[in-house]
Amino acid sequence: MVTVTPKAAEKIHAAFQRERVTGGLRLGVLGGGCSGLSYQFKFDAKPRASDQVLKFPVSSGDEVQVFIDPKSLVFLDGMTLDWKDSLIQSGFVFENPHAKKSCGCGTSFSA
């Protein structure tokens, strides 16, 4: 199971509204990056037949859908996607129990 915090769900929903797109957020893992694997997230119009589809409510009464393919789920199971605001930067934060090591940018990890 992957968790998206309420703050992250609101930011995802706002991005969909701003870009005027529908569908869900594709969350995945790709080979590459400075630590060996990197997170992928992008807009996707619809899930694939083999995707796990997760739904997270937002304050407007809508919901955010997250699509995860089976191969990526192996590396993402138990992960929490959060949104952090700080004086230095704001952005999505991946809290992944499978990540043994991650890079400074926070978007690459090794399992």
PDB file of N, CA and C in Angstrom:
ATOM      1  N   MET A   1       0.834  -1.186   0.000  1.00  0.00           N
ATOM      2  CA  MET A   1       0.000   0.000   0.000  1.00  0.00           C
ATOM      3  C   MET A   1       0.878   1.249   0.000  1.00  0.00           C
ATOM      4  N   VAL A   2       0.519   2.208  -0.777  1.00  0.00           N
ATOM      5  CA  VAL A   2       1.188   3.508  -0.834  1.00  0.00           C
ATOM      6  C   VAL A   2       0.234   4.530  -0.228  1.00  0.00           C
ATOM      7  N   THR A   3       0.778   5.433   0.581  1.00  0.00           N
ATOM      8  CA  THR A   3      -0.023   6.472   1.214  1.00  0.00           C
ATOM      9  C   THR A   3       0.333   7.822   0.621  1.00  0.00           C
ATOM     10  N   VAL A   4      -0.667   8.621   0.347  1.00  0.00           N
ATOM     11  CA  VAL A   4      -0.482  10.006  -0.059  1.00  0.00           C
ATOM     12  C   VAL A   4      -1.100  10.852   1.052  1.00  0.00           C
ATOM     13  N   THR A   5      -0.301  11.715   1.668  1.00  0.00           N
ATOM     14  CA  THR A   5      -0.811  12.533   2.762  1.00  0.00           C
ATOM     15  C   THR A   5      -1.849  13.529   2.233  1.00  0.00           C
ATOM     16  N   PRO A   6      -2.707  14.018   3.109  1.00  0.00           N
ATOM     17  CA  PRO A   6      -3.693  15.011   2.666  1.00  0.00           C
ATOM     18  C   PRO A   6      -3.059  16.241   2.003  1.00  0.00           C
ATOM     19  N   LYS A   7      -1.945  16.708   2.531  1.00  0.00           N
ATOM     20  CA  LYS A   7      -1.281  17.881   1.938  1.00  0.00           C
ATOM     21  C   LYS A   7      -0.772  17.568   0.529  1.00  0.00           C
ATOM     22  N   ALA A   8      -0.189  16.385   0.345  1.00  0.00           N
ATOM     23  CA  ALA A   8       0.289  15.981  -0.981  1.00  0.00           C
ATOM     24  C   ALA A   8      -0.886  15.793  -1.938  1.00  0.00           C
ATOM     25  N   ALA A   9      -1.989  15.212  -1.456  1.00  0.00           N
ATOM     26  CA  ALA A   9      -3.170  15.022  -2.310  1.00  0.00           C
ATOM     27  C   ALA A   9      -3.711  16.370  -2.775  1.00  0.00           C
ATOM     28  N   GLU A  10      -3.724  17.357  -1.891  1.00  0.00           N
ATOM     29  CA  GLU A  10      -4.191  18.702  -2.262  1.00  0.00           C
ATOM     30  C   GLU A  10      -3.286  19.311  -3.337  1.00  0.00           C
ATOM     31  N   LYS A  11      -1.969  19.136  -3.215  1.00  0.00           N
ATOM     32  CA  LYS A  11      -1.029  19.679  -4.204  1.00  0.00           C
ATOM     33  C   LYS A  11      -1.188  18.978  -5.550  1.00  0.00           C
ATOM     34  N   ILE A  12      -1.407  17.677  -5.526  1.00  0.00           N
ATOM     35  CA  ILE A  12      -1.634  16.933  -6.771  1.00  0.00           C
ATOM     36  C   ILE A  12      -2.921  17.429  -7.426  1.00  0.00           C
ATOM     37  N   HIS A  13      -3.969  17.556  -6.647  1.00  0.00           N
ATOM     38  CA  HIS A  13      -5.255  18.029  -7.168  1.00  0.00           C
ATOM     39  C   HIS A  13      -5.109  19.426  -7.766  1.00  0.00           C
ATOM     40  N   ALA A  14      -4.402  20.308  -7.077  1.00  0.00           N
ATOM     41  CA  ALA A  14      -4.194  21.671  -7.580  1.00  0.00           C
ATOM     42  C   ALA A  14      -3.442  21.657  -8.909  1.00  0.00           C
ATOM     43  N   ALA A  15      -2.462  20.759  -9.045  1.00  0.00           N
ATOM     44  CA  ALA A  15      -1.700  20.663 -10.297  1.00  0.00           C
ATOM     45  C   ALA A  15      -2.605  20.196 -11.438  1.00  0.00           C
ATOM     46  N   PHE A  16      -3.480  19.229 -11.167  1.00  0.00           N
ATOM     47  CA  PHE A  16      -4.421  18.769 -12.197  1.00  0.00           C
ATOM     48  C   PHE A  16      -5.348  19.903 -12.613  1.00  0.00           C
ATOM     49  N   GLN A  17      -5.821  20.672 -11.647  1.00  0.00           N
ATOM     50  CA  GLN A  17      -6.712  21.796 -11.949  1.00  0.00           C
ATOM     51  C   GLN A  17      -5.979  22.869 -12.755  1.00  0.00           C
ATOM     52  N   ARG A  18      -4.775  23.205 -12.327  1.00  0.00           N
ATOM     53  CA  ARG A  18      -3.981  24.243 -12.993  1.00  0.00           C
ATOM     54  C   ARG A  18      -3.666  23.880 -14.433  1.00  0.00           C
ATOM     55  N   GLU A  19      -3.313  22.622 -14.668  1.00  0.00           N
ATOM     56  CA  GLU A  19      -2.950  22.154 -16.012  1.00  0.00           C
ATOM     57  C   GLU A  19      -4.161  21.737 -16.845  1.00  0.00           C
ATOM     58  N   ARG A  20      -5.332  21.741 -16.211  1.00  0.00           N
ATOM     59  CA  ARG A  20      -6.583  21.362 -16.868  1.00  0.00           C
ATOM     60  C   ARG A  20      -6.507  19.973 -17.510  1.00  0.00           C
ATOM     61  N   VAL A  21      -6.015  19.027 -16.723  1.00  0.00           N
ATOM     62  CA  VAL A  21      -5.944  17.637 -17.179  1.00  0.00           C
ATOM     63  C   VAL A  21      -6.804  16.769 -16.261  1.00  0.00           C
ATOM     64  N   THR A  22      -7.191  15.619 -16.765  1.00  0.00           N
ATOM     65  CA  THR A  22      -7.967  14.671 -15.980  1.00  0.00           C
ATOM     66  C   THR A  22      -7.218  13.353 -15.949  1.00  0.00           C
ATOM     67  N   GLY A  23      -7.660  12.470 -15.098  1.00  0.00           N
ATOM     68  CA  GLY A  23      -7.031  11.165 -14.978  1.00  0.00           C
ATOM     69  C   GLY A  23      -6.424  10.997 -13.612  1.00  0.00           C
ATOM     70  N   GLY A  24      -5.209  10.524 -13.589  1.00  0.00           N
ATOM     71  CA  GLY A  24      -4.537  10.270 -12.321  1.00  0.00           C
ATOM     72  C   GLY A  24      -3.057  10.555 -12.406  1.00  0.00           C
ATOM     73  N   LEU A  25      -2.425  10.428 -11.271  1.00  0.00           N
ATOM     74  CA  LEU A  25      -0.978  10.602 -11.176  1.00  0.00           C
ATOM     75  C   LEU A  25      -0.329   9.238 -11.315  1.00  0.00           C
ATOM     76  N   ARG A  26       0.504   9.065 -12.326  1.00  0.00           N
ATOM     77  CA  ARG A  26       1.258   7.819 -12.474  1.00  0.00           C
ATOM     78  C   ARG A  26       2.504   7.930 -11.610  1.00  0.00           C
ATOM     79  N   LEU A  27       2.608   7.022 -10.644  1.00  0.00           N
ATOM     80  CA  LEU A  27       3.744   6.980  -9.731  1.00  0.00           C
ATOM     81  C   LEU A  27       4.502   5.701 -10.023  1.00  0.00           C
ATOM     82  N   GLY A  28       5.786   5.840 -10.313  1.00  0.00           N
ATOM     83  CA  GLY A  28       6.557   4.667 -10.683  1.00  0.00           C
ATOM     84  C   GLY A  28       8.023   4.781 -10.316  1.00  0.00           C
ATOM     85  N   VAL A  29       8.754   3.754 -10.657  1.00  0.00           N
ATOM     86  CA  VAL A  29      10.192   3.679 -10.417  1.00  0.00           C
ATOM     87  C   VAL A  29      10.858   3.317 -11.737  1.00  0.00           C
ATOM     88  N   LEU A  30      11.906   4.046 -12.071  1.00  0.00           N
ATOM     89  CA  LEU A  30      12.681   3.787 -13.279  1.00  0.00           C
ATOM     90  C   LEU A  30      14.125   3.524 -12.905  1.00  0.00           C
ATOM     91  N   GLY A  31      14.816   2.720 -13.705  1.00  0.00           N
ATOM     92  CA  GLY A  31      16.246   2.541 -13.519  1.00  0.00           C
ATOM     93  C   GLY A  31      16.966   3.820 -13.894  1.00  0.00           C
ATOM     94  N   GLY A  32      17.970   4.191 -13.113  1.00  0.00           N
ATOM     95  CA  GLY A  32      18.729   5.401 -13.405  1.00  0.00           C
ATOM     96  C   GLY A  32      18.792   6.310 -12.202  1.00  0.00           C
ATOM     97  N   GLY A  33      19.288   7.494 -12.415  1.00  0.00           N
ATOM     98  CA  GLY A  33      19.467   8.415 -11.300  1.00  0.00           C
ATOM     99  C   GLY A  33      20.790   8.164 -10.618  1.00  0.00           C
ATOM    100  N   CYS A  34      21.180   9.049  -9.755  1.00  0.00           N
ATOM    101  CA  CYS A  34      22.509   8.936  -9.147  1.00  0.00           C
ATOM    102  C   CYS A  34      22.618   7.809  -8.125  1.00  0.00           C
ATOM    103  N   SER A  35      21.488   7.257  -7.658  1.00  0.00           N
ATOM    104  CA  SER A  35      21.557   6.160  -6.691  1.00  0.00           C
ATOM    105  C   SER A  35      21.092   4.825  -7.267  1.00  0.00           C
ATOM    106  N   GLY A  36      20.726   4.778  -8.543  1.00  0.00           N
ATOM    107  CA  GLY A  36      20.360   3.524  -9.191  1.00  0.00           C
ATOM    108  C   GLY A  36      18.920   3.438  -9.633  1.00  0.00           C
ATOM    109  N   LEU A  37      18.002   3.995  -8.852  1.00  0.00           N
ATOM    110  CA  LEU A  37      16.588   4.011  -9.203  1.00  0.00           C
ATOM    111  C   LEU A  37      16.074   5.434  -9.011  1.00  0.00           C
ATOM    112  N   SER A  38      15.097   5.823  -9.804  1.00  0.00           N
ATOM    113  CA  SER A  38      14.541   7.158  -9.618  1.00  0.00           C
ATOM    114  C   SER A  38      13.018   7.091  -9.650  1.00  0.00           C
ATOM    115  N   TYR A  39      12.417   7.997  -8.909  1.00  0.00           N
ATOM    116  CA  TYR A  39      10.965   8.090  -8.873  1.00  0.00           C
ATOM    117  C   TYR A  39      10.471   8.778 -10.131  1.00  0.00           C
ATOM    118  N   GLN A  40       9.345   8.320 -10.618  1.00  0.00           N
ATOM    119  CA  GLN A  40       8.695   8.938 -11.766  1.00  0.00           C
ATOM    120  C   GLN A  40       7.296   9.318 -11.320  1.00  0.00           C
ATOM    121  N   PHE A  41       6.887  10.530 -11.630  1.00  0.00           N
ATOM    122  CA  PHE A  41       5.469  10.844 -11.502  1.00  0.00           C
ATOM    123  C   PHE A  41       5.087  11.809 -12.593  1.00  0.00           C
ATOM    124  N   LYS A  42       3.929  11.490 -13.183  1.00  0.00           N
ATOM    125  CA  LYS A  42       3.442  12.268 -14.322  1.00  0.00           C
ATOM    126  C   LYS A  42       1.928  12.121 -14.412  1.00  0.00           C
ATOM    127  N   PHE A  43       1.308  13.024 -15.150  1.00  0.00           N
ATOM    128  CA  PHE A  43      -0.122  12.926 -15.425  1.00  0.00           C
ATOM    129  C   PHE A  43      -0.361  11.750 -16.359  1.00  0.00           C
ATOM    130  N   ASP A  44      -1.436  11.003 -16.113  1.00  0.00           N
ATOM    131  CA  ASP A  44      -1.813   9.924 -17.020  1.00  0.00           C
ATOM    132  C   ASP A  44      -3.335   9.925 -17.136  1.00  0.00           C
ATOM    133  N   ALA A  45      -3.834   9.857 -18.351  1.00  0.00           N
ATOM    134  CA  ALA A  45      -5.274   9.974 -18.598  1.00  0.00           C
ATOM    135  C   ALA A  45      -6.081   8.830 -17.987  1.00  0.00           C
ATOM    136  N   LYS A  46      -5.512   7.622 -17.979  1.00  0.00           N
ATOM    137  CA  LYS A  46      -6.247   6.480 -17.433  1.00  0.00           C
ATOM    138  C   LYS A  46      -5.270   5.395 -16.996  1.00  0.00           C
ATOM    139  N   PRO A  47      -5.708   4.525 -16.095  1.00  0.00           N
ATOM    140  CA  PRO A  47      -4.835   3.444 -15.644  1.00  0.00           C
ATOM    141  C   PRO A  47      -4.714   2.353 -16.701  1.00  0.00           C
ATOM    142  N   ARG A  48      -3.639   1.606 -16.602  1.00  0.00           N
ATOM    143  CA  ARG A  48      -3.476   0.403 -17.422  1.00  0.00           C
ATOM    144  C   ARG A  48      -4.202  -0.749 -16.734  1.00  0.00           C
ATOM    145  N   ALA A  49      -4.463  -1.797 -17.453  1.00  0.00           N
ATOM    146  CA  ALA A  49      -5.213  -2.933 -16.903  1.00  0.00           C
ATOM    147  C   ALA A  49      -4.543  -3.544 -15.675  1.00  0.00           C
ATOM    148  N   SER A  50      -3.218  -3.552 -15.632  1.00  0.00           N
ATOM    149  CA  SER A  50      -2.511  -4.192 -14.520  1.00  0.00           C
ATOM    150  C   SER A  50      -2.171  -3.235 -13.371  1.00  0.00           C
ATOM    151  N   ASP A  51      -2.501  -1.961 -13.502  1.00  0.00           N
ATOM    152  CA  ASP A  51      -2.177  -0.972 -12.467  1.00  0.00           C
ATOM    153  C   ASP A  51      -2.981  -1.184 -11.188  1.00  0.00           C
ATOM    154  N   GLN A  52      -2.367  -0.840 -10.086  1.00  0.00           N
ATOM    155  CA  GLN A  52      -3.116  -0.674  -8.854  1.00  0.00           C
ATOM    156  C   GLN A  52      -3.591   0.776  -8.856  1.00  0.00           C
ATOM    157  N   VAL A  53      -4.868   0.991  -8.589  1.00  0.00           N
ATOM    158  CA  VAL A  53      -5.436   2.336  -8.580  1.00  0.00           C
ATOM    159  C   VAL A  53      -5.802   2.683  -7.138  1.00  0.00           C
ATOM    160  N   LEU A  54      -5.178   3.737  -6.628  1.00  0.00           N
ATOM    161  CA  LEU A  54      -5.444   4.208  -5.274  1.00  0.00           C
ATOM    162  C   LEU A  54      -6.175   5.539  -5.367  1.00  0.00           C
ATOM    163  N   LYS A  55      -7.081   5.788  -4.430  1.00  0.00           N
ATOM    164  CA  LYS A  55      -7.848   7.027  -4.427  1.00  0.00           C
ATOM    165  C   LYS A  55      -7.698   7.710  -3.076  1.00  0.00           C
ATOM    166  N   PHE A  56      -7.462   9.032  -3.133  1.00  0.00           N
ATOM    167  CA  PHE A  56      -7.268   9.818  -1.924  1.00  0.00           C
ATOM    168  C   PHE A  56      -8.169  11.051  -1.983  1.00  0.00           C
ATOM    169  N   PRO A  57      -8.956  11.293  -0.927  1.00  0.00           N
ATOM    170  CA  PRO A  57      -9.882  12.427  -0.934  1.00  0.00           C
ATOM    171  C   PRO A  57      -9.151  13.760  -0.770  1.00  0.00           C
ATOM    172  N   VAL A  58      -9.772  14.811  -1.307  1.00  0.00           N
ATOM    173  CA  VAL A  58      -9.282  16.182  -1.118  1.00  0.00           C
ATOM    174  C   VAL A  58     -10.430  17.021  -0.557  1.00  0.00           C
ATOM    175  N   SER A  59     -10.102  18.194  -0.055  1.00  0.00           N
ATOM    176  CA  SER A  59     -11.069  19.010   0.680  1.00  0.00           C
ATOM    177  C   SER A  59     -12.269  19.446  -0.158  1.00  0.00           C
ATOM    178  N   SER A  60     -12.131  19.525  -1.464  1.00  0.00           N
ATOM    179  CA  SER A  60     -13.241  19.956  -2.327  1.00  0.00           C
ATOM    180  C   SER A  60     -14.314  18.887  -2.486  1.00  0.00           C
ATOM    181  N   GLY A  61     -14.052  17.696  -1.955  1.00  0.00           N
ATOM    182  CA  GLY A  61     -14.970  16.579  -2.146  1.00  0.00           C
ATOM    183  C   GLY A  61     -14.567  15.684  -3.299  1.00  0.00           C
ATOM    184  N   ASP A  62     -13.631  16.155  -4.099  1.00  0.00           N
ATOM    185  CA  ASP A  62     -13.091  15.342  -5.194  1.00  0.00           C
ATOM    186  C   ASP A  62     -12.131  14.311  -4.624  1.00  0.00           C
ATOM    187  N   GLU A  63     -11.478  13.589  -5.503  1.00  0.00           N
ATOM    188  CA  GLU A  63     -10.439  12.655  -5.087  1.00  0.00           C
ATOM    189  C   GLU A  63      -9.306  12.675  -6.094  1.00  0.00           C
ATOM    190  N   VAL A  64      -8.151  12.279  -5.628  1.00  0.00           N
ATOM    191  CA  VAL A  64      -6.964  12.152  -6.469  1.00  0.00           C
ATOM    192  C   VAL A  64      -6.735  10.667  -6.686  1.00  0.00           C
ATOM    193  N   GLN A  65      -6.524  10.273  -7.944  1.00  0.00           N
ATOM    194  CA  GLN A  65      -6.210   8.887  -8.254  1.00  0.00           C
ATOM    195  C   GLN A  65      -4.710   8.748  -8.497  1.00  0.00           C
ATOM    196  N   VAL A  66      -4.154   7.652  -8.003  1.00  0.00           N
ATOM    197  CA  VAL A  66      -2.741   7.344  -8.211  1.00  0.00           C
ATOM    198  C   VAL A  66      -2.669   5.972  -8.862  1.00  0.00           C
ATOM    199  N   PHE A  67      -1.947   5.898  -9.996  1.00  0.00           N
ATOM    200  CA  PHE A  67      -1.785   4.657 -10.740  1.00  0.00           C
ATOM    201  C   PHE A  67      -0.364   4.136 -10.526  1.00  0.00           C
ATOM    202  N   ILE A  68      -0.252   2.846 -10.140  1.00  0.00           N
ATOM    203  CA  ILE A  68       1.064   2.248  -9.912  1.00  0.00           C
ATOM    204  C   ILE A  68       1.127   0.901 -10.624  1.00  0.00           C
ATOM    205  N   ASP A  69       2.149   0.734 -11.463  1.00  0.00           N
ATOM    206  CA  ASP A  69       2.316  -0.538 -12.170  1.00  0.00           C
ATOM    207  C   ASP A  69       2.892  -1.585 -11.217  1.00  0.00           C
ATOM    208  N   PRO A  70       2.677  -2.880 -11.487  1.00  0.00           N
ATOM    209  CA  PRO A  70       3.115  -3.940 -10.577  1.00  0.00           C
ATOM    210  C   PRO A  70       4.617  -3.954 -10.293  1.00  0.00           C
ATOM    211  N   LYS A  71       5.448  -3.681 -11.295  1.00  0.00           N
ATOM    212  CA  LYS A  71       6.905  -3.694 -11.080  1.00  0.00           C
ATOM    213  C   LYS A  71       7.332  -2.573 -10.148  1.00  0.00           C
ATOM    214  N   SER A  72       6.740  -1.398 -10.290  1.00  0.00           N
ATOM    215  CA  SER A  72       7.074  -0.277  -9.414  1.00  0.00           C
ATOM    216  C   SER A  72       6.565  -0.513  -7.995  1.00  0.00           C
ATOM    217  N   LEU A  73       5.426  -1.187  -7.868  1.00  0.00           N
ATOM    218  CA  LEU A  73       4.840  -1.414  -6.556  1.00  0.00           C
ATOM    219  C   LEU A  73       5.782  -2.191  -5.643  1.00  0.00           C
ATOM    220  N   VAL A  74       6.606  -3.048  -6.224  1.00  0.00           N
ATOM    221  CA  VAL A  74       7.592  -3.799  -5.432  1.00  0.00           C
ATOM    222  C   VAL A  74       8.492  -2.832  -4.657  1.00  0.00           C
ATOM    223  N   PHE A  75       8.875  -1.717  -5.281  1.00  0.00           N
ATOM    224  CA  PHE A  75       9.770  -0.743  -4.666  1.00  0.00           C
ATOM    225  C   PHE A  75       9.029   0.345  -3.883  1.00  0.00           C
ATOM    226  N   LEU A  76       7.726   0.480  -4.121  1.00  0.00           N
ATOM    227  CA  LEU A  76       6.963   1.570  -3.509  1.00  0.00           C
ATOM    228  C   LEU A  76       6.051   1.119  -2.376  1.00  0.00           C
ATOM    229  N   ASP A  77       5.830  -0.174  -2.221  1.00  0.00           N
ATOM    230  CA  ASP A  77       4.929  -0.661  -1.194  1.00  0.00           C
ATOM    231  C   ASP A  77       5.379  -0.175   0.185  1.00  0.00           C
ATOM    232  N   GLY A  78       4.486   0.457   0.905  1.00  0.00           N
ATOM    233  CA  GLY A  78       4.808   0.995   2.228  1.00  0.00           C
ATOM    234  C   GLY A  78       5.280   2.436   2.212  1.00  0.00           C
ATOM    235  N   MET A  79       5.420   3.018   1.023  1.00  0.00           N
ATOM    236  CA  MET A  79       5.921   4.384   0.883  1.00  0.00           C
ATOM    237  C   MET A  79       4.827   5.405   1.201  1.00  0.00           C
ATOM    238  N   THR A  80       5.253   6.558   1.701  1.00  0.00           N
ATOM    239  CA  THR A  80       4.367   7.698   1.903  1.00  0.00           C
ATOM    240  C   THR A  80       4.859   8.842   1.033  1.00  0.00           C
ATOM    241  N   LEU A  81       3.942   9.410   0.245  1.00  0.00           N
ATOM    242  CA  LEU A  81       4.238  10.603  -0.551  1.00  0.00           C
ATOM    243  C   LEU A  81       3.682  11.785   0.224  1.00  0.00           C
ATOM    244  N   ASP A  82       4.557  12.716   0.576  1.00  0.00           N
ATOM    245  CA  ASP A  82       4.169  13.873   1.377  1.00  0.00           C
ATOM    246  C   ASP A  82       4.579  15.144   0.655  1.00  0.00           C
ATOM    247  N   TRP A  83       4.108  16.263   1.152  1.00  0.00           N
ATOM    248  CA  TRP A  83       4.497  17.587   0.653  1.00  0.00           C
ATOM    249  C   TRP A  83       5.074  18.351   1.830  1.00  0.00           C
ATOM    250  N   LYS A  84       6.255  18.912   1.666  1.00  0.00           N
ATOM    251  CA  LYS A  84       6.907  19.694   2.723  1.00  0.00           C
ATOM    252  C   LYS A  84       7.152  21.112   2.242  1.00  0.00           C
ATOM    253  N   ASP A  85       6.911  22.051   3.120  1.00  0.00           N
ATOM    254  CA  ASP A  85       7.243  23.454   2.880  1.00  0.00           C
ATOM    255  C   ASP A  85       8.312  23.848   3.879  1.00  0.00           C
ATOM    256  N   SER A  86       9.385  24.461   3.399  1.00  0.00           N
ATOM    257  CA  SER A  86      10.425  24.963   4.291  1.00  0.00           C
ATOM    258  C   SER A  86      10.924  26.297   3.759  1.00  0.00           C
ATOM    259  N   LEU A  87      11.793  26.930   4.509  1.00  0.00           N
ATOM    260  CA  LEU A  87      12.359  28.201   4.070  1.00  0.00           C
ATOM    261  C   LEU A  87      13.223  28.041   2.833  1.00  0.00           C
ATOM    262  N   ILE A  88      13.827  26.872   2.676  1.00  0.00           N
ATOM    263  CA  ILE A  88      14.762  26.646   1.582  1.00  0.00           C
ATOM    264  C   ILE A  88      14.070  26.123   0.323  1.00  0.00           C
ATOM    265  N   GLN A  89      13.123  25.208   0.511  1.00  0.00           N
ATOM    266  CA  GLN A  89      12.457  24.627  -0.657  1.00  0.00           C
ATOM    267  C   GLN A  89      11.115  24.027  -0.274  1.00  0.00           C
ATOM    268  N   SER A  90      10.291  23.826  -1.266  1.00  0.00           N
ATOM    269  CA  SER A  90       9.006  23.154  -1.095  1.00  0.00           C
ATOM    270  C   SER A  90       8.893  22.093  -2.178  1.00  0.00           C
ATOM    271  N   GLY A  91       8.282  20.971  -1.838  1.00  0.00           N
ATOM    272  CA  GLY A  91       8.108  19.939  -2.838  1.00  0.00           C
ATOM    273  C   GLY A  91       7.685  18.614  -2.253  1.00  0.00           C
ATOM    274  N   PHE A  92       7.494  17.651  -3.141  1.00  0.00           N
ATOM    275  CA  PHE A  92       7.109  16.311  -2.723  1.00  0.00           C
ATOM    276  C   PHE A  92       8.290  15.620  -2.046  1.00  0.00           C
ATOM    277  N   VAL A  93       7.978  14.834  -1.030  1.00  0.00           N
ATOM    278  CA  VAL A  93       8.979  14.076  -0.289  1.00  0.00           C
ATOM    279  C   VAL A  93       8.542  12.616  -0.301  1.00  0.00           C
ATOM    280  N   PHE A  94       9.469  11.742  -0.681  1.00  0.00           N
ATOM    281  CA  PHE A  94       9.217  10.309  -0.724  1.00  0.00           C
ATOM    282  C   PHE A  94       9.793   9.682   0.541  1.00  0.00           C
ATOM    283  N   GLU A  95       8.933   9.131   1.379  1.00  0.00           N
ATOM    284  CA  GLU A  95       9.368   8.416   2.580  1.00  0.00           C
ATOM    285  C   GLU A  95       9.184   6.936   2.294  1.00  0.00           C
ATOM    286  N   ASN A  96      10.274   6.303   1.843  1.00  0.00           N
ATOM    287  CA  ASN A  96      10.213   4.948   1.315  1.00  0.00           C
ATOM    288  C   ASN A  96      11.013   3.989   2.192  1.00  0.00           C
ATOM    289  N   PRO A  97      10.346   3.001   2.819  1.00  0.00           N
ATOM    290  CA  PRO A  97      11.061   2.051   3.666  1.00  0.00           C
ATOM    291  C   PRO A  97      12.007   1.138   2.890  1.00  0.00           C
ATOM    292  N   HIS A  98      11.850   1.052   1.570  1.00  0.00           N
ATOM    293  CA  HIS A  98      12.728   0.215   0.747  1.00  0.00           C
ATOM    294  C   HIS A  98      14.014   0.928   0.341  1.00  0.00           C
ATOM    295  N   ALA A  99      14.073   2.238   0.530  1.00  0.00           N
ATOM    296  CA  ALA A  99      15.252   3.008   0.124  1.00  0.00           C
ATOM    297  C   ALA A  99      16.365   2.818   1.148  1.00  0.00           C
ATOM    298  N   LYS A 100      17.429   2.175   0.725  1.00  0.00           N
ATOM    299  CA  LYS A 100      18.588   1.971   1.599  1.00  0.00           C
ATOM    300  C   LYS A 100      19.484   3.208   1.595  1.00  0.00           C
ATOM    301  N   LYS A 101      19.479   3.910   0.462  1.00  0.00           N
ATOM    302  CA  LYS A 101      20.309   5.090   0.279  1.00  0.00           C
ATOM    303  C   LYS A 101      19.598   5.991  -0.716  1.00  0.00           C
ATOM    304  N   SER A 102      19.667   7.296  -0.505  1.00  0.00           N
ATOM    305  CA  SER A 102      19.091   8.218  -1.486  1.00  0.00           C
ATOM    306  C   SER A 102      20.070   9.340  -1.763  1.00  0.00           C
ATOM    307  N   CYS A 103      19.838  10.032  -2.862  1.00  0.00           N
ATOM    308  CA  CYS A 103      20.729  11.119  -3.247  1.00  0.00           C
ATOM    309  C   CYS A 103      20.269  12.422  -2.600  1.00  0.00           C
ATOM    310  N   GLY A 104      21.037  13.454  -2.744  1.00  0.00           N
ATOM    311  CA  GLY A 104      20.723  14.746  -2.162  1.00  0.00           C
ATOM    312  C   GLY A 104      19.459  15.378  -2.693  1.00  0.00           C
ATOM    313  N   CYS A 105      19.104  15.108  -3.939  1.00  0.00           N
ATOM    314  CA  CYS A 105      17.907  15.721  -4.518  1.00  0.00           C
ATOM    315  C   CYS A 105      16.628  15.047  -4.033  1.00  0.00           C
ATOM    316  N   GLY A 106      16.734  13.827  -3.494  1.00  0.00           N
ATOM    317  CA  GLY A 106      15.581  13.134  -2.967  1.00  0.00           C
ATOM    318  C   GLY A 106      14.730  12.406  -3.985  1.00  0.00           C
ATOM    319  N   THR A 107      15.144  12.385  -5.246  1.00  0.00           N
ATOM    320  CA  THR A 107      14.345  11.712  -6.272  1.00  0.00           C
ATOM    321  C   THR A 107      15.003  10.436  -6.788  1.00  0.00           C
ATOM    322  N   SER A 108      16.128  10.064  -6.208  1.00  0.00           N
ATOM    323  CA  SER A 108      16.846   8.868  -6.623  1.00  0.00           C
ATOM    324  C   SER A 108      17.195   8.065  -5.371  1.00  0.00           C
ATOM    325  N   PHE A 109      17.129   6.722  -5.488  1.00  0.00           N
ATOM    326  CA  PHE A 109      17.410   5.880  -4.334  1.00  0.00           C
ATOM    327  C   PHE A 109      17.943   4.521  -4.783  1.00  0.00           C
ATOM    328  N   SER A 110      18.470   3.775  -3.824  1.00  0.00           N
ATOM    329  CA  SER A 110      18.850   2.382  -4.093  1.00  0.00           C
ATOM    330  C   SER A 110      18.106   1.518  -3.090  1.00  0.00           C
ATOM    331  N   ALA A 111      17.723   0.346  -3.539  1.00  0.00           N
ATOM    332  CA  ALA A 111      16.936  -0.561  -2.695  1.00  0.00           C
ATOM    333  C   ALA A 111      17.780  -1.706  -2.206  1.00  0.00           C
TER     334      ALA A 111
END
